[in-house]
PDB file of N, CA and C in Angstrom:
ATOM      1  N   MET A   1      -7.162   7.946  -4.038  1.00  0.00           N
ATOM      2  CA  MET A   1      -6.989   6.777  -3.438  1.00  0.00           C
ATOM      3  C   MET A   1      -6.950   6.666  -2.054  1.00  0.00           C
ATOM      4  N   SER A   2      -7.810   5.532  -1.710  1.00  0.00           N
ATOM      5  CA  SER A   2      -7.888   5.235  -0.211  1.00  0.00           C
ATOM      6  C   SER A   2      -6.817   4.545   0.266  1.00  0.00           C
ATOM      7  N   ALA A   3      -6.367   4.828   1.307  1.00  0.00           N
ATOM      8  CA  ALA A   3      -5.018   4.354   2.131  1.00  0.00           C
ATOM      9  C   ALA A   3      -5.785   3.104   2.899  1.00  0.00           C
ATOM     10  N   THR A   4      -7.040   3.099   3.092  1.00  0.00           N
ATOM     11  CA  THR A   4      -7.581   1.761   3.766  1.00  0.00           C
ATOM     12  C   THR A   4      -8.066   0.661   2.785  1.00  0.00           C
ATOM     13  N   ARG A   5      -7.991  -0.254   3.125  1.00  0.00           N
ATOM     14  CA  ARG A   5      -8.338  -1.483   2.318  1.00  0.00           C
ATOM     15  C   ARG A   5      -9.823  -1.482   2.319  1.00  0.00           C
ATOM     16  N   ALA A   6     -10.704  -1.665   1.228  1.00  0.00           N
ATOM     17  CA  ALA A   6     -12.182  -1.675   1.325  1.00  0.00           C
ATOM     18  C   ALA A   6     -12.479  -3.037   1.784  1.00  0.00           C
ATOM     19  N   ASP A   7     -13.337  -3.402   2.319  1.00  0.00           N
ATOM     20  CA  ASP A   7     -13.738  -4.632   2.962  1.00  0.00           C
ATOM     21  C   ASP A   7     -14.469  -5.310   1.683  1.00  0.00           C
ATOM     22  N   PRO A   8     -13.840  -6.491   1.285  1.00  0.00           N
ATOM     23  CA  PRO A   8     -14.043  -7.369   0.200  1.00  0.00           C
ATOM     24  C   PRO A   8     -15.605  -7.937   0.087  1.00  0.00           C
ATOM     25  N   ALA A   9     -16.339  -8.019   1.315  1.00  0.00           N
ATOM     26  CA  ALA A   9     -17.584  -8.294   1.252  1.00  0.00           C
ATOM     27  C   ALA A   9     -18.679  -7.227   0.905  1.00  0.00           C
ATOM     28  N   GLU A  10     -17.993  -6.104   1.113  1.00  0.00           N
ATOM     29  CA  GLU A  10     -18.630  -4.670   0.762  1.00  0.00           C
ATOM     30  C   GLU A  10     -18.452  -3.961  -0.760  1.00  0.00           C
ATOM     31  N   SER A  11     -17.207  -4.611  -1.149  1.00  0.00           N
ATOM     32  CA  SER A  11     -16.823  -3.984  -2.312  1.00  0.00           C
ATOM     33  C   SER A  11     -16.877  -4.924  -3.658  1.00  0.00           C
ATOM     34  N   MET A  12     -16.346  -4.137  -4.892  1.00  0.00           N
ATOM     35  CA  MET A  12     -16.275  -4.938  -6.107  1.00  0.00           C
ATOM     36  C   MET A  12     -14.664  -4.509  -6.539  1.00  0.00           C
ATOM     37  N   MET A  13     -14.333  -5.342  -7.550  1.00  0.00           N
ATOM     38  CA  MET A  13     -13.281  -5.004  -8.283  1.00  0.00           C
ATOM     39  C   MET A  13     -13.489  -4.895  -9.740  1.00  0.00           C
ATOM     40  N   LEU A  14     -12.750  -3.916 -10.316  1.00  0.00           N
ATOM     41  CA  LEU A  14     -12.926  -3.383 -11.796  1.00  0.00           C
ATOM     42  C   LEU A  14     -11.702  -3.109 -12.287  1.00  0.00           C
ATOM     43  N   THR A  15     -11.540  -4.065 -13.565  1.00  0.00           N
ATOM     44  CA  THR A  15     -10.388  -3.737 -14.203  1.00  0.00           C
ATOM     45  C   THR A  15     -10.493  -2.545 -15.539  1.00  0.00           C
ATOM     46  N   VAL A  16     -10.050  -1.983 -15.763  1.00  0.00           N
ATOM     47  CA  VAL A  16     -10.146  -0.921 -16.723  1.00  0.00           C
ATOM     48  C   VAL A  16      -8.887  -0.649 -17.704  1.00  0.00           C
ATOM     49  N   PHE A  17      -9.187  -1.046 -19.019  1.00  0.00           N
ATOM     50  CA  PHE A  17      -8.225  -1.052 -20.054  1.00  0.00           C
ATOM     51  C   PHE A  17      -8.167   0.432 -20.424  1.00  0.00           C
ATOM     52  N   LEU A  18      -7.248   1.021 -20.388  1.00  0.00           N
ATOM     53  CA  LEU A  18      -6.818   2.362 -20.811  1.00  0.00           C
ATOM     54  C   LEU A  18      -6.056   2.555 -21.999  1.00  0.00           C
ATOM     55  N   ARG A  19      -6.523   2.070 -23.334  1.00  0.00           N
ATOM     56  CA  ARG A  19      -5.922   1.917 -24.492  1.00  0.00           C
ATOM     57  C   ARG A  19      -5.458   3.201 -24.909  1.00  0.00           C
ATOM     58  N   HIS A  20      -3.984   3.422 -25.248  1.00  0.00           N
ATOM     59  CA  HIS A  20      -3.641   4.655 -25.683  1.00  0.00           C
ATOM     60  C   HIS A  20      -4.048   5.048 -27.171  1.00  0.00           C
ATOM     61  N   ASP A  21      -4.603   6.590 -27.441  1.00  0.00           N
ATOM     62  CA  ASP A  21      -4.827   6.985 -28.600  1.00  0.00           C
ATOM     63  C   ASP A  21      -3.570   7.131 -29.233  1.00  0.00           C
ATOM     64  N   GLN A  22      -3.176   6.254 -30.493  1.00  0.00           N
ATOM     65  CA  GLN A  22      -1.742   6.414 -31.040  1.00  0.00           C
ATOM     66  C   GLN A  22      -1.910   7.192 -32.021  1.00  0.00           C
ATOM     67  N   SER A  23      -2.797   8.204 -32.226  1.00  0.00           N
ATOM     68  CA  SER A  23      -2.975   9.190 -33.150  1.00  0.00           C
ATOM     69  C   SER A  23      -2.023  10.568 -32.492  1.00  0.00           C
ATOM     70  N   GLN A  24      -1.639  10.345 -31.227  1.00  0.00           N
ATOM     71  CA  GLN A  24      -1.149  11.306 -30.309  1.00  0.00           C
ATOM     72  C   GLN A  24       0.108  10.829 -29.852  1.00  0.00           C
ATOM     73  N   ASN A  25       1.266  11.772 -29.782  1.00  0.00           N
ATOM     74  CA  ASN A  25       2.428  11.385 -29.140  1.00  0.00           C
ATOM     75  C   ASN A  25       2.373  11.502 -27.619  1.00  0.00           C
ATOM     76  N   LEU A  26       3.395  10.983 -26.957  1.00  0.00           N
ATOM     77  CA  LEU A  26       3.357  11.134 -25.585  1.00  0.00           C
ATOM     78  C   LEU A  26       3.250  12.305 -24.881  1.00  0.00           C
ATOM     79  N   GLU A  27       3.993  13.239 -25.418  1.00  0.00           N
ATOM     80  CA  GLU A  27       3.913  14.649 -24.920  1.00  0.00           C
ATOM     81  C   GLU A  27       2.221  15.183 -25.038  1.00  0.00           C
ATOM     82  N   GLN A  28       1.660  15.160 -26.214  1.00  0.00           N
ATOM     83  CA  GLN A  28       0.317  15.453 -26.400  1.00  0.00           C
ATOM     84  C   GLN A  28      -0.762  14.749 -25.489  1.00  0.00           C
ATOM     85  N   LEU A  29      -0.433  13.403 -25.272  1.00  0.00           N
ATOM     86  CA  LEU A  29      -1.155  12.726 -24.348  1.00  0.00           C
ATOM     87  C   LEU A  29      -0.914  13.029 -22.748  1.00  0.00           C
ATOM     88  N   GLN A  30       0.177  13.349 -22.535  1.00  0.00           N
ATOM     89  CA  GLN A  30       0.632  13.795 -20.950  1.00  0.00           C
ATOM     90  C   GLN A  30      -0.315  15.274 -20.810  1.00  0.00           C
ATOM     91  N   SER A  31       0.222  16.255 -21.893  1.00  0.00           N
ATOM     92  CA  SER A  31      -0.350  17.566 -21.593  1.00  0.00           C
ATOM     93  C   SER A  31      -2.122  17.336 -21.626  1.00  0.00           C
ATOM     94  N   ARG A  32      -2.804  16.381 -22.199  1.00  0.00           N
ATOM     95  CA  ARG A  32      -3.999  16.436 -22.208  1.00  0.00           C
ATOM     96  C   ARG A  32      -4.499  15.984 -20.791  1.00  0.00           C
ATOM     97  N   LEU A  33      -3.839  14.922 -20.495  1.00  0.00           N
ATOM     98  CA  LEU A  33      -4.114  14.484 -18.957  1.00  0.00           C
ATOM     99  C   LEU A  33      -3.684  15.487 -17.805  1.00  0.00           C
ATOM    100  N   ASP A  34      -2.748  16.321 -18.152  1.00  0.00           N
ATOM    101  CA  ASP A  34      -2.366  17.246 -17.306  1.00  0.00           C
ATOM    102  C   ASP A  34      -3.795  18.435 -17.216  1.00  0.00           C
ATOM    103  N   ASP A  35      -3.963  18.637 -18.356  1.00  0.00           N
ATOM    104  CA  ASP A  35      -5.101  19.758 -18.281  1.00  0.00           C
ATOM    105  C   ASP A  35      -6.618  19.373 -17.951  1.00  0.00           C
ATOM    106  N   ALA A  36      -6.731  17.873 -17.642  1.00  0.00           N
ATOM    107  CA  ALA A  36      -8.120  17.264 -17.288  1.00  0.00           C
ATOM    108  C   ALA A  36      -7.825  17.000 -15.849  1.00  0.00           C
ATOM    109  N   GLY A  37      -6.539  17.198 -15.343  1.00  0.00           N
ATOM    110  CA  GLY A  37      -6.595  16.839 -13.864  1.00  0.00           C
ATOM    111  C   GLY A  37      -6.541  15.448 -13.566  1.00  0.00           C
ATOM    112  N   TRP A  38      -6.064  14.745 -14.691  1.00  0.00           N
ATOM    113  CA  TRP A  38      -6.148  13.246 -14.391  1.00  0.00           C
ATOM    114  C   TRP A  38      -5.745  12.817 -13.056  1.00  0.00           C
ATOM    115  N   TRP A  39      -4.164  13.100 -12.984  1.00  0.00           N
ATOM    116  CA  TRP A  39      -3.387  12.444 -11.986  1.00  0.00           C
ATOM    117  C   TRP A  39      -4.026  13.039 -10.512  1.00  0.00           C
ATOM    118  N   GLN A  40      -4.603  14.055 -10.548  1.00  0.00           N
ATOM    119  CA  GLN A  40      -5.256  14.531  -9.214  1.00  0.00           C
ATOM    120  C   GLN A  40      -6.559  13.905  -9.104  1.00  0.00           C
ATOM    121  N   HIS A  41      -7.386  13.580  -9.850  1.00  0.00           N
ATOM    122  CA  HIS A  41      -8.729  12.975  -9.634  1.00  0.00           C
ATOM    123  C   HIS A  41      -8.982  11.474  -9.856  1.00  0.00           C
ATOM    124  N   PHE A  42      -8.180  11.019 -10.499  1.00  0.00           N
ATOM    125  CA  PHE A  42      -8.478   9.372 -10.798  1.00  0.00           C
ATOM    126  C   PHE A  42      -7.643   8.747 -10.057  1.00  0.00           C
ATOM    127  N   PRO A  43      -8.029   7.660  -9.300  1.00  0.00           N
ATOM    128  CA  PRO A  43      -9.313   7.351  -9.221  1.00  0.00           C
ATOM    129  C   PRO A  43      -9.772   8.046  -8.367  1.00  0.00           C
ATOM    130  N   PRO A  44     -11.371   8.242  -8.273  1.00  0.00           N
ATOM    131  CA  PRO A  44     -11.995   9.227  -7.027  1.00  0.00           C
ATOM    132  C   PRO A  44     -11.619   8.374  -5.779  1.00  0.00           C
ATOM    133  N   ALA A  45     -11.830   9.219  -4.742  1.00  0.00           N
ATOM    134  CA  ALA A  45     -11.730   9.126  -3.311  1.00  0.00           C
ATOM    135  C   ALA A  45     -12.803   8.008  -3.151  1.00  0.00           C
ATOM    136  N   GLY A  46     -12.096   6.768  -2.143  1.00  0.00           N
ATOM    137  CA  GLY A  46     -13.173   5.752  -1.789  1.00  0.00           C
ATOM    138  C   GLY A  46     -12.529   4.452  -2.593  1.00  0.00           C
ATOM    139  N   CYS A  47     -11.624   4.709  -3.604  1.00  0.00           N
ATOM    140  CA  CYS A  47     -11.311   3.489  -4.376  1.00  0.00           C
ATOM    141  C   CYS A  47      -9.892   3.399  -4.179  1.00  0.00           C
ATOM    142  N   GLU A  48      -9.710   1.934  -4.087  1.00  0.00           N
ATOM    143  CA  GLU A  48      -8.225   1.253  -3.885  1.00  0.00           C
ATOM    144  C   GLU A  48      -7.637   0.913  -5.324  1.00  0.00           C
ATOM    145  N   VAL A  49      -6.323   1.401  -5.435  1.00  0.00           N
ATOM    146  CA  VAL A  49      -5.591   0.792  -6.428  1.00  0.00           C
ATOM    147  C   VAL A  49      -4.867  -0.548  -6.432  1.00  0.00           C
ATOM    148  N   VAL A  50      -5.591  -1.546  -7.035  1.00  0.00           N
ATOM    149  CA  VAL A  50      -5.097  -3.045  -6.755  1.00  0.00           C
ATOM    150  C   VAL A  50      -3.809  -3.004  -7.488  1.00  0.00           C
ATOM    151  N   SER A  51      -3.993  -2.778  -8.723  1.00  0.00           N
ATOM    152  CA  SER A  51      -2.703  -2.724  -9.520  1.00  0.00           C
ATOM    153  C   SER A  51      -2.851  -1.711 -10.781  1.00  0.00           C
ATOM    154  N   TRP A  52      -1.866  -1.237 -11.280  1.00  0.00           N
ATOM    155  CA  TRP A  52      -1.523  -0.137 -12.262  1.00  0.00           C
ATOM    156  C   TRP A  52      -0.449  -0.794 -13.098  1.00  0.00           C
ATOM    157  N   VAL A  53      -0.507  -1.453 -14.322  1.00  0.00           N
ATOM    158  CA  VAL A  53       0.620  -1.706 -15.161  1.00  0.00           C
ATOM    159  C   VAL A  53       0.259  -0.884 -16.343  1.00  0.00           C
ATOM    160  N   VAL A  54       1.581  -0.948 -17.340  1.00  0.00           N
ATOM    161  CA  VAL A  54       1.354  -0.568 -18.659  1.00  0.00           C
ATOM    162  C   VAL A  54       1.762  -1.998 -19.239  1.00  0.00           C
ATOM    163  N   ALA A  55       0.709  -1.995 -20.473  1.00  0.00           N
ATOM    164  CA  ALA A  55       1.010  -3.186 -21.287  1.00  0.00           C
ATOM    165  C   ALA A  55       1.542  -2.766 -22.873  1.00  0.00           C
ATOM    166  N   MET A  56       2.877  -2.776 -22.900  1.00  0.00           N
ATOM    167  CA  MET A  56       3.325  -2.105 -24.292  1.00  0.00           C
ATOM    168  C   MET A  56       2.353  -2.407 -25.295  1.00  0.00           C
ATOM    169  N   GLY A  57       2.255  -1.472 -26.074  1.00  0.00           N
ATOM    170  CA  GLY A  57       1.258  -1.622 -27.391  1.00  0.00           C
ATOM    171  C   GLY A  57      -0.214  -1.631 -26.923  1.00  0.00           C
ATOM    172  N   VAL A  58      -0.538  -1.588 -25.945  1.00  0.00           N
ATOM    173  CA  VAL A  58      -1.963  -1.602 -25.606  1.00  0.00           C
ATOM    174  C   VAL A  58      -2.227  -0.195 -24.860  1.00  0.00           C
ATOM    175  N   GLY A  59      -1.649  -0.283 -23.744  1.00  0.00           N
ATOM    176  CA  GLY A  59      -1.863   1.178 -22.695  1.00  0.00           C
ATOM    177  C   GLY A  59      -1.875   0.649 -21.424  1.00  0.00           C
ATOM    178  N   GLN A  60      -2.561   1.266 -20.375  1.00  0.00           N
ATOM    179  CA  GLN A  60      -2.577   0.837 -18.980  1.00  0.00           C
ATOM    180  C   GLN A  60      -3.542   0.180 -18.763  1.00  0.00           C
ATOM    181  N   ILE A  61      -3.250  -0.575 -17.643  1.00  0.00           N
ATOM    182  CA  ILE A  61      -4.562  -1.512 -17.024  1.00  0.00           C
ATOM    183  C   ILE A  61      -4.578  -1.257 -15.773  1.00  0.00           C
ATOM    184  N   VAL A  62      -5.627  -0.859 -15.207  1.00  0.00           N
ATOM    185  CA  VAL A  62      -5.865  -0.427 -13.824  1.00  0.00           C
ATOM    186  C   VAL A  62      -6.843  -1.298 -13.079  1.00  0.00           C
ATOM    187  N   THR A  63      -6.645  -1.815 -12.219  1.00  0.00           N
ATOM    188  CA  THR A  63      -7.484  -2.675 -11.449  1.00  0.00           C
ATOM    189  C   THR A  63      -7.815  -1.842 -10.106  1.00  0.00           C
ATOM    190  N   LEU A  64      -8.929  -1.544  -9.853  1.00  0.00           N
ATOM    191  CA  LEU A  64      -9.664  -0.593  -8.559  1.00  0.00           C
ATOM    192  C   LEU A  64     -10.431  -1.899  -7.652  1.00  0.00           C
ATOM    193  N   ARG A  65     -10.506  -1.531  -6.463  1.00  0.00           N
ATOM    194  CA  ARG A  65     -11.519  -2.071  -5.594  1.00  0.00           C
ATOM    195  C   ARG A  65     -12.106  -1.090  -5.084  1.00  0.00           C
ATOM    196  N   LEU A  66     -13.324  -1.171  -4.970  1.00  0.00           N
ATOM    197  CA  LEU A  66     -14.106   0.068  -4.640  1.00  0.00           C
ATOM    198  C   LEU A  66     -15.629  -0.379  -4.157  1.00  0.00           C
ATOM    199  N   PRO A  67     -16.184   0.406  -3.415  1.00  0.00           N
ATOM    200  CA  PRO A  67     -17.719  -0.005  -2.911  1.00  0.00           C
ATOM    201  C   PRO A  67     -18.488   0.178  -4.183  1.00  0.00           C
ATOM    202  N   ALA A  68     -19.469  -0.679  -4.362  1.00  0.00           N
ATOM    203  CA  ALA A  68     -20.214  -0.871  -5.782  1.00  0.00           C
ATOM    204  C   ALA A  68     -20.737   0.585  -5.903  1.00  0.00           C
ATOM    205  N   ALA A  69     -21.055   1.440  -4.656  1.00  0.00           N
ATOM    206  CA  ALA A  69     -21.931   2.541  -4.864  1.00  0.00           C
ATOM    207  C   ALA A  69     -20.961   3.714  -5.599  1.00  0.00           C
ATOM    208  N   LEU A  70     -19.652   3.292  -5.600  1.00  0.00           N
ATOM    209  CA  LEU A  70     -18.934   4.209  -6.236  1.00  0.00           C
ATOM    210  C   LEU A  70     -18.720   4.104  -7.791  1.00  0.00           C
ATOM    211  N   LEU A  71     -19.321   2.942  -8.528  1.00  0.00           N
ATOM    212  CA  LEU A  71     -19.021   2.686  -9.798  1.00  0.00           C
ATOM    213  C   LEU A  71     -19.532   3.841 -10.552  1.00  0.00           C
ATOM    214  N   ALA A  72     -20.395   4.564 -10.524  1.00  0.00           N
ATOM    215  CA  ALA A  72     -20.940   5.734 -11.310  1.00  0.00           C
ATOM    216  C   ALA A  72     -19.752   7.012 -11.332  1.00  0.00           C
ATOM    217  N   ALA A  73     -19.142   6.822 -10.042  1.00  0.00           N
ATOM    218  CA  ALA A  73     -18.223   7.882  -9.872  1.00  0.00           C
ATOM    219  C   ALA A  73     -17.027   7.755 -10.559  1.00  0.00           C
ATOM    220  N   VAL A  74     -16.710   6.369 -10.699  1.00  0.00           N
ATOM    221  CA  VAL A  74     -15.467   5.994 -11.423  1.00  0.00           C
ATOM    222  C   VAL A  74     -15.590   6.271 -13.107  1.00  0.00           C
ATOM    223  N   ASN A  75     -16.918   5.824 -13.453  1.00  0.00           N
ATOM    224  CA  ASN A  75     -17.484   6.020 -14.925  1.00  0.00           C
ATOM    225  C   ASN A  75     -17.324   7.535 -15.357  1.00  0.00           C
ATOM    226  N   VAL A  76     -17.756   8.573 -14.298  1.00  0.00           N
ATOM    227  CA  VAL A  76     -18.047   9.940 -14.840  1.00  0.00           C
ATOM    228  C   VAL A  76     -16.531  10.446 -14.507  1.00  0.00           C
ATOM    229  N   GLU A  77     -15.286   9.827 -13.710  1.00  0.00           N
ATOM    230  CA  GLU A  77     -14.160  10.462 -13.567  1.00  0.00           C
ATOM    231  C   GLU A  77     -13.576  10.164 -14.845  1.00  0.00           C
ATOM    232  N   LEU A  78     -13.852   8.676 -15.627  1.00  0.00           N
ATOM    233  CA  LEU A  78     -13.111   8.532 -16.797  1.00  0.00           C
ATOM    234  C   LEU A  78     -13.742   9.312 -17.947  1.00  0.00           C
ATOM    235  N   GLU A  79     -14.916   9.420 -17.934  1.00  0.00           N
ATOM    236  CA  GLU A  79     -15.492  10.568 -19.109  1.00  0.00           C
ATOM    237  C   GLU A  79     -14.898  11.902 -19.023  1.00  0.00           C
ATOM    238  N   ARG A  80     -14.946  12.394 -17.791  1.00  0.00           N
ATOM    239  CA  ARG A  80     -14.345  13.759 -17.650  1.00  0.00           C
ATOM    240  C   ARG A  80     -12.766  13.959 -17.855  1.00  0.00           C
ATOM    241  N   ARG A  81     -11.945  12.882 -17.565  1.00  0.00           N
ATOM    242  CA  ARG A  81     -10.484  13.046 -17.606  1.00  0.00           C
ATOM    243  C   ARG A  81      -9.965  12.190 -18.539  1.00  0.00           C
ATOM    244  N   ALA A  82     -10.511  11.003 -18.863  1.00  0.00           N
ATOM    245  CA  ALA A  82      -9.667  10.418 -20.103  1.00  0.00           C
ATOM    246  C   ALA A  82      -9.925  10.123 -21.382  1.00  0.00           C
ATOM    247  N   TRP A  83     -11.311  10.442 -21.664  1.00  0.00           N
ATOM    248  CA  TRP A  83     -11.565  10.634 -23.081  1.00  0.00           C
ATOM    249  C   TRP A  83     -10.806  11.611 -23.737  1.00  0.00           C
ATOM    250  N   GLY A  84     -10.500  11.096 -24.898  1.00  0.00           N
ATOM    251  CA  GLY A  84      -9.506  11.744 -25.924  1.00  0.00           C
ATOM    252  C   GLY A  84      -8.149  11.600 -25.625  1.00  0.00           C
ATOM    253  N   VAL A  85      -7.835  10.773 -24.688  1.00  0.00           N
ATOM    254  CA  VAL A  85      -6.656  10.284 -24.286  1.00  0.00           C
ATOM    255  C   VAL A  85      -6.561   8.773 -24.459  1.00  0.00           C
ATOM    256  N   PHE A  86      -7.552   8.221 -23.871  1.00  0.00           N
ATOM    257  CA  PHE A  86      -7.421   6.724 -24.005  1.00  0.00           C
ATOM    258  C   PHE A  86      -8.870   6.160 -24.568  1.00  0.00           C
ATOM    259  N   HIS A  87      -8.984   5.121 -25.098  1.00  0.00           N
ATOM    260  CA  HIS A  87     -10.106   4.468 -25.477  1.00  0.00           C
ATOM    261  C   HIS A  87     -10.220   3.479 -24.160  1.00  0.00           C
ATOM    262  N   THR A  88     -11.338   3.487 -23.465  1.00  0.00           N
ATOM    263  CA  THR A  88     -11.855   2.573 -22.372  1.00  0.00           C
ATOM    264  C   THR A  88     -12.524   1.314 -22.515  1.00  0.00           C
ATOM    265  N   ASP A  89     -11.978   0.267 -21.878  1.00  0.00           N
ATOM    266  CA  ASP A  89     -13.060  -0.882 -21.548  1.00  0.00           C
ATOM    267  C   ASP A  89     -12.905  -1.264 -20.285  1.00  0.00           C
ATOM    268  N   PHE A  90     -13.900  -1.849 -19.687  1.00  0.00           N
ATOM    269  CA  PHE A  90     -14.154  -2.111 -18.268  1.00  0.00           C
ATOM    270  C   PHE A  90     -14.609  -3.443 -18.193  1.00  0.00           C
ATOM    271  N   TYR A  91     -13.957  -4.241 -16.908  1.00  0.00           N
ATOM    272  CA  TYR A  91     -14.355  -5.564 -16.761  1.00  0.00           C
ATOM    273  C   TYR A  91     -14.370  -5.774 -15.201  1.00  0.00           C
ATOM    274  N   PRO A  92     -15.492  -6.254 -14.585  1.00  0.00           N
ATOM    275  CA  PRO A  92     -15.624  -6.668 -13.317  1.00  0.00           C
ATOM    276  C   PRO A  92     -14.687  -7.945 -13.009  1.00  0.00           C
ATOM    277  N   THR A  93     -13.960  -7.830 -12.074  1.00  0.00           N
ATOM    278  CA  THR A  93     -13.107  -8.902 -12.035  1.00  0.00           C
ATOM    279  C   THR A  93     -12.984  -9.276 -10.583  1.00  0.00           C
ATOM    280  N   TYR A  94     -12.102 -10.435 -10.158  1.00  0.00           N
ATOM    281  CA  TYR A  94     -12.034 -10.589  -8.905  1.00  0.00           C
ATOM    282  C   TYR A  94     -10.893 -11.594  -8.546  1.00  0.00           C
ATOM    283  N   ASP A  95     -10.251 -11.615  -7.330  1.00  0.00           N
ATOM    284  CA  ASP A  95      -9.066 -12.292  -7.293  1.00  0.00           C
ATOM    285  C   ASP A  95      -9.015 -13.672  -7.116  1.00  0.00           C
ATOM    286  N   PHE A  96      -8.453 -14.258  -8.047  1.00  0.00           N
ATOM    287  CA  PHE A  96      -8.570 -15.707  -8.329  1.00  0.00           C
ATOM    288  C   PHE A  96      -7.580 -16.398  -7.713  1.00  0.00           C
ATOM    289  N   VAL A  97      -6.718 -15.717  -6.763  1.00  0.00           N
ATOM    290  CA  VAL A  97      -5.346 -16.698  -6.201  1.00  0.00           C
ATOM    291  C   VAL A  97      -5.734 -17.529  -5.392  1.00  0.00           C
ATOM    292  N   PRO A  98      -6.948 -16.955  -4.390  1.00  0.00           N
ATOM    293  CA  PRO A  98      -7.460 -17.824  -3.378  1.00  0.00           C
ATOM    294  C   PRO A  98      -8.224 -19.264  -3.786  1.00  0.00           C
ATOM    295  N   VAL A  99      -8.979 -18.921  -5.050  1.00  0.00           N
ATOM    296  CA  VAL A  99      -9.514 -19.961  -5.731  1.00  0.00           C
ATOM    297  C   VAL A  99      -8.834 -21.044  -6.227  1.00  0.00           C
ATOM    298  N   ARG A 100      -7.585 -20.456  -7.025  1.00  0.00           N
ATOM    299  CA  ARG A 100      -6.684 -21.156  -7.542  1.00  0.00           C
ATOM    300  C   ARG A 100      -6.199 -22.271  -6.287  1.00  0.00           C
ATOM    301  N   GLU A 101      -5.610 -21.857  -5.322  1.00  0.00           N
ATOM    302  CA  GLU A 101      -5.003 -22.495  -4.193  1.00  0.00           C
ATOM    303  C   GLU A 101      -5.962 -23.546  -3.834  1.00  0.00           C
ATOM    304  N   ARG A 102      -7.216 -23.282  -3.541  1.00  0.00           N
ATOM    305  CA  ARG A 102      -8.293 -24.396  -3.234  1.00  0.00           C
ATOM    306  C   ARG A 102      -8.250 -25.355  -4.253  1.00  0.00           C
ATOM    307  N   LEU A 103      -8.483 -25.041  -5.433  1.00  0.00           N
ATOM    308  CA  LEU A 103      -8.402 -26.154  -6.661  1.00  0.00           C
ATOM    309  C   LEU A 103      -7.273 -26.884  -6.800  1.00  0.00           C
ATOM    310  N   ALA A 104      -6.148 -26.345  -6.407  1.00  0.00           N
ATOM    311  CA  ALA A 104      -4.927 -27.086  -6.648  1.00  0.00           C
ATOM    312  C   ALA A 104      -4.918 -28.120  -5.510  1.00  0.00           C
ATOM    313  N   ARG A 105      -5.415 -27.566  -4.057  1.00  0.00           N
ATOM    314  CA  ARG A 105      -5.181 -28.347  -3.155  1.00  0.00           C
ATOM    315  C   ARG A 105      -6.229 -29.652  -3.260  1.00  0.00           C
ATOM    316  N   GLU A 106      -7.548 -29.422  -3.699  1.00  0.00           N
ATOM    317  CA  GLU A 106      -8.381 -30.215  -3.977  1.00  0.00           C
ATOM    318  C   GLU A 106      -8.029 -31.268  -4.938  1.00  0.00           C
ATOM    319  N   SER A 107      -7.285 -30.851  -6.004  1.00  0.00           N
ATOM    320  CA  SER A 107      -6.865 -31.789  -7.160  1.00  0.00           C
ATOM    321  C   SER A 107      -5.958 -32.646  -6.396  1.00  0.00           C
ATOM    322  N   GLY A 108      -4.934 -32.122  -5.663  1.00  0.00           N
ATOM    323  CA  GLY A 108      -3.883 -32.973  -5.129  1.00  0.00           C
ATOM    324  C   GLY A 108      -4.464 -33.833  -3.928  1.00  0.00           C
ATOM    325  N   GLU A 109      -5.809 -33.743  -3.267  1.00  0.00           N
ATOM    326  CA  GLU A 109      -6.237 -34.574  -2.613  1.00  0.00           C
ATOM    327  C   GLU A 109      -6.844 -35.649  -3.215  1.00  0.00           C
ATOM    328  N   ARG A 110      -7.564 -35.429  -4.114  1.00  0.00           N
ATOM    329  CA  ARG A 110      -8.234 -36.304  -5.312  1.00  0.00           C
ATOM    330  C   ARG A 110      -7.136 -37.258  -5.994  1.00  0.00           C
ATOM    331  N   ARG A 111      -6.096 -36.658  -6.385  1.00  0.00           N
ATOM    332  CA  ARG A 111      -5.043 -37.658  -7.054  1.00  0.00           C
ATOM    333  C   ARG A 111      -4.378 -38.503  -5.977  1.00  0.00           C
ATOM    334  N   SER A 112      -4.283 -37.999  -4.720  1.00  0.00           N
ATOM    335  CA  SER A 112      -3.770 -38.880  -3.783  1.00  0.00           C
ATOM    336  C   SER A 112      -4.468 -39.840  -3.214  1.00  0.00           C
ATOM    337  N   ALA A 113      -5.877 -39.858  -3.322  1.00  0.00           N
ATOM    338  CA  ALA A 113      -6.845 -40.747  -2.788  1.00  0.00           C
ATOM    339  C   ALA A 113      -6.812 -42.019  -3.501  1.00  0.00           C
TER     340      ALA A 113
END
């Protein structure tokens, strides 16, 4: 994990759904993650964790900010370390908060005009 924030103009965001393999219990999953070095190697260096949450009944949802050049490295680490524990889905994402704030402001201006 990078301690410095990536330049938004030079980076992308990626949301990864790590869906639990429900054929295994928690102890089995943790053992496989430990054996794979998951906690030591994911995400790869140069990636910033924007959020990492658990969605009960689904699994973990991780949003990373990374230079686009590291996309393949993220994929390889997931293949090496997460397969067999998680089923993975990937979604390019972006921060909608500033857009929402602008749209709300513009809507208010239109309504008051």
